[in-house]
N, C-alpha and C. Protein backbone atom coordinates (compact mmCIF):
# COMPACT_ATOMS: atom_id res chain seq x y z
N UNK A 1 18.06 -50.32 24.64
CA UNK A 1 17.73 -48.96 24.36
C UNK A 1 16.34 -48.66 24.89
N UNK A 2 16.24 -47.50 25.55
CA UNK A 2 14.97 -47.14 26.17
C UNK A 2 14.12 -46.37 25.17
N UNK A 3 12.86 -46.73 25.06
CA UNK A 3 11.93 -46.15 24.10
C UNK A 3 11.16 -45.01 24.79
N UNK A 4 11.08 -43.83 24.11
CA UNK A 4 10.33 -42.70 24.64
C UNK A 4 9.16 -42.40 23.73
N UNK A 5 8.04 -42.11 24.31
CA UNK A 5 6.82 -41.86 23.55
C UNK A 5 6.69 -40.39 23.12
N UNK A 6 7.41 -39.50 23.75
CA UNK A 6 7.27 -38.07 23.48
C UNK A 6 7.64 -37.72 22.03
N UNK A 7 8.76 -38.18 21.49
CA UNK A 7 9.03 -37.83 20.09
C UNK A 7 8.00 -38.41 19.13
N UNK A 8 7.49 -39.56 19.41
CA UNK A 8 6.49 -40.17 18.53
C UNK A 8 5.19 -39.37 18.54
N UNK A 9 4.75 -38.96 19.71
CA UNK A 9 3.51 -38.19 19.83
C UNK A 9 3.69 -36.81 19.16
N UNK A 10 4.83 -36.22 19.36
CA UNK A 10 5.10 -34.92 18.74
C UNK A 10 5.08 -35.02 17.22
N UNK A 11 5.71 -36.05 16.70
CA UNK A 11 5.73 -36.26 15.25
C UNK A 11 4.33 -36.55 14.72
N UNK A 12 3.56 -37.34 15.44
CA UNK A 12 2.20 -37.67 15.00
C UNK A 12 1.31 -36.43 15.01
N UNK A 13 1.41 -35.61 16.05
CA UNK A 13 0.58 -34.40 16.12
C UNK A 13 0.99 -33.37 15.09
N UNK A 14 2.24 -33.40 14.66
CA UNK A 14 2.68 -32.48 13.63
C UNK A 14 1.96 -32.73 12.32
N UNK A 15 1.74 -33.98 12.00
CA UNK A 15 1.07 -34.32 10.74
C UNK A 15 -0.44 -34.45 10.88
N UNK A 16 -0.91 -34.84 12.04
CA UNK A 16 -2.34 -35.06 12.24
C UNK A 16 -3.03 -33.80 12.76
N UNK A 17 -2.28 -32.88 13.34
CA UNK A 17 -2.84 -31.67 13.95
C UNK A 17 -3.71 -30.85 13.02
N UNK A 18 -3.26 -30.55 11.81
CA UNK A 18 -4.12 -29.77 10.91
C UNK A 18 -5.43 -30.46 10.58
N UNK A 19 -5.43 -31.76 10.45
CA UNK A 19 -6.67 -32.49 10.18
C UNK A 19 -7.61 -32.43 11.37
N UNK A 20 -7.08 -32.48 12.57
CA UNK A 20 -7.91 -32.39 13.76
C UNK A 20 -8.43 -30.97 14.00
N UNK A 21 -7.69 -30.00 13.57
CA UNK A 21 -8.10 -28.61 13.78
C UNK A 21 -9.27 -28.23 12.90
N UNK A 22 -9.45 -28.87 11.75
CA UNK A 22 -10.54 -28.56 10.85
C UNK A 22 -11.72 -29.46 11.17
N UNK A 23 -12.48 -29.06 12.19
CA UNK A 23 -13.56 -29.90 12.67
C UNK A 23 -14.77 -29.91 11.74
N UNK A 24 -14.87 -28.93 10.83
CA UNK A 24 -16.04 -28.88 9.96
C UNK A 24 -15.99 -29.91 8.84
N UNK A 25 -14.84 -30.49 8.62
CA UNK A 25 -14.73 -31.52 7.61
C UNK A 25 -14.30 -31.02 6.26
N UNK A 26 -14.04 -29.74 6.12
CA UNK A 26 -13.63 -29.19 4.83
C UNK A 26 -12.93 -27.87 5.01
N UNK A 27 -12.73 -27.19 3.93
CA UNK A 27 -12.04 -25.91 3.99
C UNK A 27 -12.99 -24.73 3.82
N UNK A 28 -14.27 -24.93 3.96
CA UNK A 28 -15.26 -23.88 3.82
C UNK A 28 -15.47 -23.21 5.17
N UNK A 29 -14.67 -22.19 5.46
CA UNK A 29 -14.80 -21.48 6.72
C UNK A 29 -15.80 -20.35 6.55
N UNK A 30 -16.64 -20.12 7.54
CA UNK A 30 -17.68 -19.10 7.43
C UNK A 30 -17.13 -17.69 7.18
N UNK A 31 -15.94 -17.40 7.64
CA UNK A 31 -15.41 -16.06 7.46
C UNK A 31 -14.77 -15.86 6.09
N UNK A 32 -14.72 -16.86 5.28
CA UNK A 32 -14.14 -16.71 3.95
C UNK A 32 -15.27 -16.55 2.93
N UNK A 33 -15.49 -17.53 2.09
CA UNK A 33 -16.48 -17.42 1.02
C UNK A 33 -17.77 -18.18 1.32
N UNK A 34 -17.96 -18.60 2.54
CA UNK A 34 -19.04 -19.51 2.80
C UNK A 34 -20.34 -18.92 3.29
N UNK A 35 -20.44 -18.54 4.53
CA UNK A 35 -21.70 -18.33 5.21
C UNK A 35 -22.52 -17.15 4.71
N UNK A 36 -21.98 -15.97 4.63
CA UNK A 36 -22.82 -14.81 4.38
C UNK A 36 -22.99 -14.45 2.91
N UNK A 37 -22.27 -15.07 2.01
CA UNK A 37 -22.44 -14.82 0.60
C UNK A 37 -21.59 -13.69 0.05
N UNK A 38 -21.11 -12.81 0.91
CA UNK A 38 -20.27 -11.71 0.45
C UNK A 38 -18.82 -12.14 0.25
N UNK A 39 -18.39 -13.10 1.01
CA UNK A 39 -17.02 -13.56 0.91
C UNK A 39 -16.06 -12.49 1.37
N UNK A 40 -15.06 -12.23 0.58
CA UNK A 40 -14.07 -11.23 0.96
C UNK A 40 -14.28 -9.95 0.15
N UNK A 41 -15.53 -9.57 -0.07
CA UNK A 41 -15.87 -8.38 -0.86
C UNK A 41 -15.32 -7.11 -0.22
N UNK A 42 -15.37 -7.01 1.10
CA UNK A 42 -14.96 -5.78 1.77
C UNK A 42 -13.45 -5.65 1.89
N UNK A 43 -12.68 -6.68 1.61
CA UNK A 43 -11.23 -6.61 1.72
C UNK A 43 -10.62 -5.56 0.83
N UNK A 44 -10.87 -5.57 -0.48
CA UNK A 44 -10.31 -4.54 -1.35
C UNK A 44 -10.84 -3.14 -1.04
N UNK A 45 -12.10 -3.04 -0.64
CA UNK A 45 -12.67 -1.73 -0.28
C UNK A 45 -11.95 -1.17 0.93
N UNK A 46 -11.75 -2.02 1.93
CA UNK A 46 -11.04 -1.58 3.13
C UNK A 46 -9.60 -1.20 2.80
N UNK A 47 -8.96 -1.92 1.91
CA UNK A 47 -7.59 -1.61 1.54
C UNK A 47 -7.51 -0.25 0.84
N UNK A 48 -8.47 0.08 -0.02
CA UNK A 48 -8.49 1.39 -0.67
C UNK A 48 -8.72 2.51 0.33
N UNK A 49 -9.62 2.28 1.29
CA UNK A 49 -9.87 3.28 2.33
C UNK A 49 -8.62 3.49 3.17
N UNK A 50 -7.95 2.41 3.52
CA UNK A 50 -6.73 2.50 4.31
C UNK A 50 -5.63 3.23 3.53
N UNK A 51 -5.49 2.95 2.25
CA UNK A 51 -4.49 3.62 1.43
C UNK A 51 -4.79 5.11 1.31
N UNK A 52 -6.05 5.47 1.12
CA UNK A 52 -6.43 6.88 1.03
C UNK A 52 -6.15 7.61 2.35
N UNK A 53 -6.46 6.96 3.46
CA UNK A 53 -6.19 7.56 4.77
C UNK A 53 -4.70 7.75 4.99
N UNK A 54 -3.91 6.81 4.54
CA UNK A 54 -2.46 6.91 4.68
C UNK A 54 -1.91 8.08 3.86
N UNK A 55 -2.39 8.23 2.63
CA UNK A 55 -1.94 9.33 1.77
C UNK A 55 -2.35 10.68 2.36
N UNK A 56 -3.59 10.79 2.83
CA UNK A 56 -4.06 12.04 3.43
C UNK A 56 -3.24 12.36 4.68
N UNK A 57 -2.94 11.34 5.46
CA UNK A 57 -2.14 11.55 6.66
C UNK A 57 -0.74 12.03 6.36
N UNK A 58 -0.10 11.46 5.36
CA UNK A 58 1.26 11.87 4.99
C UNK A 58 1.24 13.31 4.45
N UNK A 59 0.27 13.63 3.61
CA UNK A 59 0.18 15.00 3.08
C UNK A 59 -0.07 15.99 4.21
N UNK A 60 -0.95 15.66 5.14
CA UNK A 60 -1.22 16.55 6.27
C UNK A 60 0.01 16.72 7.15
N UNK A 61 0.76 15.66 7.35
CA UNK A 61 1.99 15.75 8.15
C UNK A 61 3.03 16.64 7.48
N UNK A 62 3.19 16.49 6.18
CA UNK A 62 4.15 17.32 5.44
C UNK A 62 3.73 18.79 5.48
N UNK A 63 2.45 19.06 5.30
CA UNK A 63 1.97 20.45 5.34
C UNK A 63 2.13 21.05 6.73
N UNK A 64 1.91 20.22 7.77
CA UNK A 64 2.04 20.69 9.14
C UNK A 64 3.51 21.01 9.46
N UNK A 65 4.42 20.15 8.98
CA UNK A 65 5.84 20.38 9.25
C UNK A 65 6.33 21.61 8.50
N UNK A 66 5.94 21.76 7.25
CA UNK A 66 6.44 22.89 6.46
C UNK A 66 5.76 24.21 6.81
N UNK A 67 4.62 24.19 7.49
CA UNK A 67 3.96 25.45 7.84
C UNK A 67 4.73 26.19 8.92
N UNK A 68 5.52 25.50 9.70
CA UNK A 68 6.30 26.14 10.75
C UNK A 68 7.64 26.66 10.28
N UNK A 69 7.90 26.63 8.99
CA UNK A 69 9.20 27.06 8.48
C UNK A 69 9.35 28.58 8.45
N UNK A 70 8.28 29.32 8.64
CA UNK A 70 8.36 30.77 8.69
C UNK A 70 8.27 31.44 7.33
N UNK A 71 7.98 30.72 6.29
CA UNK A 71 7.87 31.31 4.96
C UNK A 71 6.52 32.01 4.84
N UNK A 72 6.56 33.23 4.38
CA UNK A 72 5.31 33.97 4.17
C UNK A 72 5.45 34.80 2.91
N UNK A 73 4.36 35.40 2.49
CA UNK A 73 4.37 36.22 1.28
C UNK A 73 5.30 37.42 1.46
N UNK A 74 5.31 38.01 2.66
CA UNK A 74 6.13 39.18 2.89
C UNK A 74 7.62 38.83 2.80
N UNK A 75 8.01 37.69 3.35
CA UNK A 75 9.40 37.27 3.28
C UNK A 75 9.76 36.78 1.89
N UNK A 76 8.77 36.35 1.14
CA UNK A 76 9.04 35.80 -0.18
C UNK A 76 9.38 36.86 -1.22
N UNK A 77 9.02 38.12 -0.99
CA UNK A 77 9.30 39.18 -1.95
C UNK A 77 10.66 39.80 -1.64
N UNK A 78 11.71 39.16 -2.11
CA UNK A 78 13.07 39.60 -1.79
C UNK A 78 13.43 40.94 -2.43
N UNK A 79 12.91 41.20 -3.61
CA UNK A 79 13.23 42.45 -4.28
C UNK A 79 12.70 43.65 -3.49
N UNK A 80 11.47 43.54 -3.02
CA UNK A 80 10.89 44.63 -2.24
C UNK A 80 11.61 44.79 -0.91
N UNK A 81 11.99 43.69 -0.29
CA UNK A 81 12.74 43.76 0.97
C UNK A 81 14.10 44.43 0.75
N UNK A 82 14.76 44.09 -0.35
CA UNK A 82 16.05 44.71 -0.65
C UNK A 82 15.88 46.20 -0.90
N UNK A 83 14.82 46.57 -1.62
CA UNK A 83 14.56 47.99 -1.88
C UNK A 83 14.31 48.73 -0.58
N UNK A 84 13.52 48.17 0.31
CA UNK A 84 13.24 48.81 1.60
C UNK A 84 14.52 48.96 2.42
N UNK A 85 15.37 47.94 2.37
CA UNK A 85 16.62 47.98 3.12
C UNK A 85 17.57 49.05 2.56
N UNK A 86 17.65 49.15 1.27
CA UNK A 86 18.52 50.17 0.64
C UNK A 86 18.01 51.59 0.95
N UNK A 87 16.69 51.74 0.96
CA UNK A 87 16.12 53.05 1.31
C UNK A 87 16.38 53.38 2.77
N UNK A 88 16.25 52.40 3.63
CA UNK A 88 16.49 52.62 5.06
C UNK A 88 17.95 52.93 5.33
N UNK A 89 18.86 52.37 4.56
CA UNK A 89 20.29 52.64 4.75
C UNK A 89 20.72 53.96 4.13
N UNK A 90 19.83 54.61 3.41
CA UNK A 90 20.14 55.91 2.82
C UNK A 90 20.85 55.81 1.49
N UNK A 91 20.78 54.69 0.84
CA UNK A 91 21.45 54.51 -0.45
C UNK A 91 20.69 55.16 -1.59
N UNK A 92 19.43 55.53 -1.37
CA UNK A 92 18.63 56.19 -2.41
C UNK A 92 17.70 57.20 -1.76
N UNK A 93 17.26 58.15 -2.56
CA UNK A 93 16.35 59.16 -2.02
C UNK A 93 14.90 58.70 -2.17
N UNK A 94 13.98 59.50 -1.65
CA UNK A 94 12.57 59.12 -1.62
C UNK A 94 11.97 59.03 -3.02
N UNK A 95 12.40 59.90 -3.91
CA UNK A 95 11.85 59.88 -5.27
C UNK A 95 12.25 58.60 -6.00
N UNK A 96 13.53 58.23 -5.92
CA UNK A 96 13.99 56.99 -6.55
C UNK A 96 13.33 55.76 -5.93
N UNK A 97 13.17 55.80 -4.58
CA UNK A 97 12.51 54.70 -3.87
C UNK A 97 11.08 54.53 -4.35
N UNK A 98 10.35 55.64 -4.48
CA UNK A 98 8.95 55.58 -4.91
C UNK A 98 8.83 55.04 -6.33
N UNK A 99 9.72 55.45 -7.21
CA UNK A 99 9.68 54.97 -8.60
C UNK A 99 9.95 53.46 -8.67
N UNK A 100 10.97 53.02 -7.97
CA UNK A 100 11.30 51.59 -8.02
C UNK A 100 10.23 50.73 -7.34
N UNK A 101 9.68 51.24 -6.27
CA UNK A 101 8.61 50.49 -5.59
C UNK A 101 7.39 50.39 -6.49
N UNK A 102 7.10 51.45 -7.21
CA UNK A 102 5.96 51.43 -8.13
C UNK A 102 6.18 50.38 -9.23
N UNK A 103 7.42 50.27 -9.72
CA UNK A 103 7.74 49.25 -10.73
C UNK A 103 7.61 47.82 -10.17
N UNK A 104 8.06 47.64 -8.93
CA UNK A 104 8.01 46.29 -8.34
C UNK A 104 6.59 45.84 -8.02
N UNK A 105 5.81 46.72 -7.48
CA UNK A 105 4.44 46.36 -7.06
C UNK A 105 3.52 46.29 -8.28
N UNK A 106 3.76 47.15 -9.23
CA UNK A 106 2.99 47.08 -10.47
C UNK A 106 1.89 48.00 -10.47
């Protein structure tokens, strides 16, 4: 049987690789809790800022989409629009129209 070194080296590097990668001799990496003293202080702050930006973005997108729907105060007053339409069609006279409009507008 022929012996191959490739599987042995691969297996050895699989277990020895992490130990060789940590050249400092420990798990104290400068970007974690070690060098500058702050550690991961800015992580939660950044997450809150990111969450706030996401919420503001979603609200702005919804408002932008719904602003193009054509809804306005004038279209929203259906009673007054119906009254104007009935008057224009001749279903009521000017006196009745004026009285009802006065009641609707207040």
